[in-house]
């Protein structure tokens, strides 16, 4: 519901670009089940995929640019990830926006 509210506000206030933080969790969706439904494998991945789809529909219908960044990790205090390399990757993504 929150993504729909943001997209609608962006449309009403004529925002040119919406950047949505998604997840690589959706790239791991596995299969189409016997009833023809796409199965993502988790509720989290399902919500991210639904938000991306909603954003793309808003873009096509209203003309707002919609970008989904599928992050593979979130950097937080105490994170054991290689923070410098992740920040470098994020900076290069933002330069393209």
Protein backbone atom coordinates (compact mmCIF):
# COMPACT_ATOMS: atom_id res chain seq x y z
CA UNK A 1 0.00 0.00 0.00
CA UNK A 2 2.86 2.38 0.76
CA UNK A 3 4.34 2.07 -2.72
CA UNK A 4 0.95 2.77 -4.28
CA UNK A 5 0.64 5.91 -2.15
CA UNK A 6 4.10 7.12 -3.20
CA UNK A 7 3.40 6.44 -6.88
CA UNK A 8 0.06 8.24 -6.72
CA UNK A 9 1.62 11.25 -4.95
CA UNK A 10 4.40 11.33 -7.56
CA UNK A 11 1.79 11.34 -10.31
CA UNK A 12 -0.27 14.09 -8.71
CA UNK A 13 2.75 16.31 -8.06
CA UNK A 14 4.24 15.57 -11.49
CA UNK A 15 7.45 13.97 -10.21
CA UNK A 16 9.65 13.09 -13.17
CA UNK A 17 11.39 10.07 -11.64
CA UNK A 18 10.62 7.52 -8.92
CA UNK A 19 13.41 5.32 -7.58
CA UNK A 20 12.23 2.16 -5.84
CA UNK A 21 14.57 0.11 -3.65
CA UNK A 22 13.85 -3.49 -4.58
CA UNK A 23 15.78 -6.68 -3.91
CA UNK A 24 17.62 -9.40 -5.76
CA UNK A 25 15.28 -11.78 -3.92
CA UNK A 26 12.90 -11.48 -6.86
CA UNK A 27 15.48 -12.67 -9.38
CA UNK A 28 15.38 -16.05 -7.69
CA UNK A 29 11.72 -16.72 -8.33
CA UNK A 30 11.51 -20.27 -9.37
CA UNK A 31 8.63 -21.33 -11.50
CA UNK A 32 5.11 -21.04 -12.75
CA UNK A 33 2.94 -23.40 -10.73
CA UNK A 34 0.43 -25.82 -12.31
CA UNK A 35 -2.37 -23.24 -12.07
CA UNK A 36 -0.30 -20.75 -14.11
CA UNK A 37 0.78 -18.44 -11.28
CA UNK A 38 4.32 -17.12 -10.95
CA UNK A 39 5.77 -18.34 -7.65
CA UNK A 40 8.46 -16.20 -6.06
CA UNK A 41 9.28 -18.41 -3.11
CA UNK A 42 8.65 -15.90 -0.31
CA UNK A 43 6.20 -13.23 0.78
CA UNK A 44 9.04 -10.68 0.78
CA UNK A 45 9.94 -11.41 -2.86
CA UNK A 46 6.26 -11.35 -3.84
CA UNK A 47 5.76 -7.87 -2.42
CA UNK A 48 8.89 -6.52 -4.12
CA UNK A 49 7.82 -8.00 -7.47
CA UNK A 50 4.30 -6.58 -7.06
CA UNK A 51 5.71 -3.11 -6.31
CA UNK A 52 7.97 -3.22 -9.36
CA UNK A 53 5.03 -4.24 -11.53
CA UNK A 54 2.88 -1.44 -10.12
CA UNK A 55 5.67 1.08 -10.74
CA UNK A 56 6.07 -0.06 -14.34
CA UNK A 57 2.33 0.25 -14.91
CA UNK A 58 2.37 3.79 -13.50
CA UNK A 59 5.28 4.64 -15.78
CA UNK A 60 3.49 3.36 -18.88
CA UNK A 61 0.17 4.92 -17.99
CA UNK A 62 1.25 8.30 -16.57
CA UNK A 63 4.74 8.86 -17.97
CA UNK A 64 6.68 9.08 -14.70
CA UNK A 65 10.07 7.42 -15.02
CA UNK A 66 10.26 4.39 -12.69
CA UNK A 67 13.57 2.83 -11.71
CA UNK A 68 13.89 -0.26 -9.49
CA UNK A 69 17.28 -0.82 -7.88
CA UNK A 70 17.63 -4.48 -6.94
CA UNK A 71 20.06 -4.33 -4.05
CA UNK A 72 21.78 -7.53 -2.99
CA UNK A 73 22.79 -6.32 0.47
CA UNK A 74 21.99 -3.49 2.82
CA UNK A 75 24.84 -1.70 4.54
CA UNK A 76 24.21 -1.06 8.21
CA UNK A 77 26.23 -0.30 11.33
CA UNK A 78 28.15 -3.40 12.35
CA UNK A 79 27.79 -4.96 8.91
CA UNK A 80 30.46 -7.49 8.02
CA UNK A 81 30.11 -6.77 4.30
CA UNK A 82 32.90 -5.08 2.39
CA UNK A 83 31.41 -1.63 2.88
CA UNK A 84 33.84 0.30 0.68
CA UNK A 85 33.18 -1.85 -2.38
CA UNK A 86 29.43 -1.68 -1.86
CA UNK A 87 29.53 2.10 -1.53
CA UNK A 88 31.58 2.31 -4.72
CA UNK A 89 28.97 0.20 -6.55
CA UNK A 90 26.12 2.35 -5.24
CA UNK A 91 27.88 5.57 -6.24
CA UNK A 92 28.32 4.30 -9.79
CA UNK A 93 24.60 3.39 -9.93
CA UNK A 94 23.57 6.85 -8.75
CA UNK A 95 25.78 8.53 -11.36
CA UNK A 96 23.69 6.86 -14.04
CA UNK A 97 20.47 8.28 -12.65
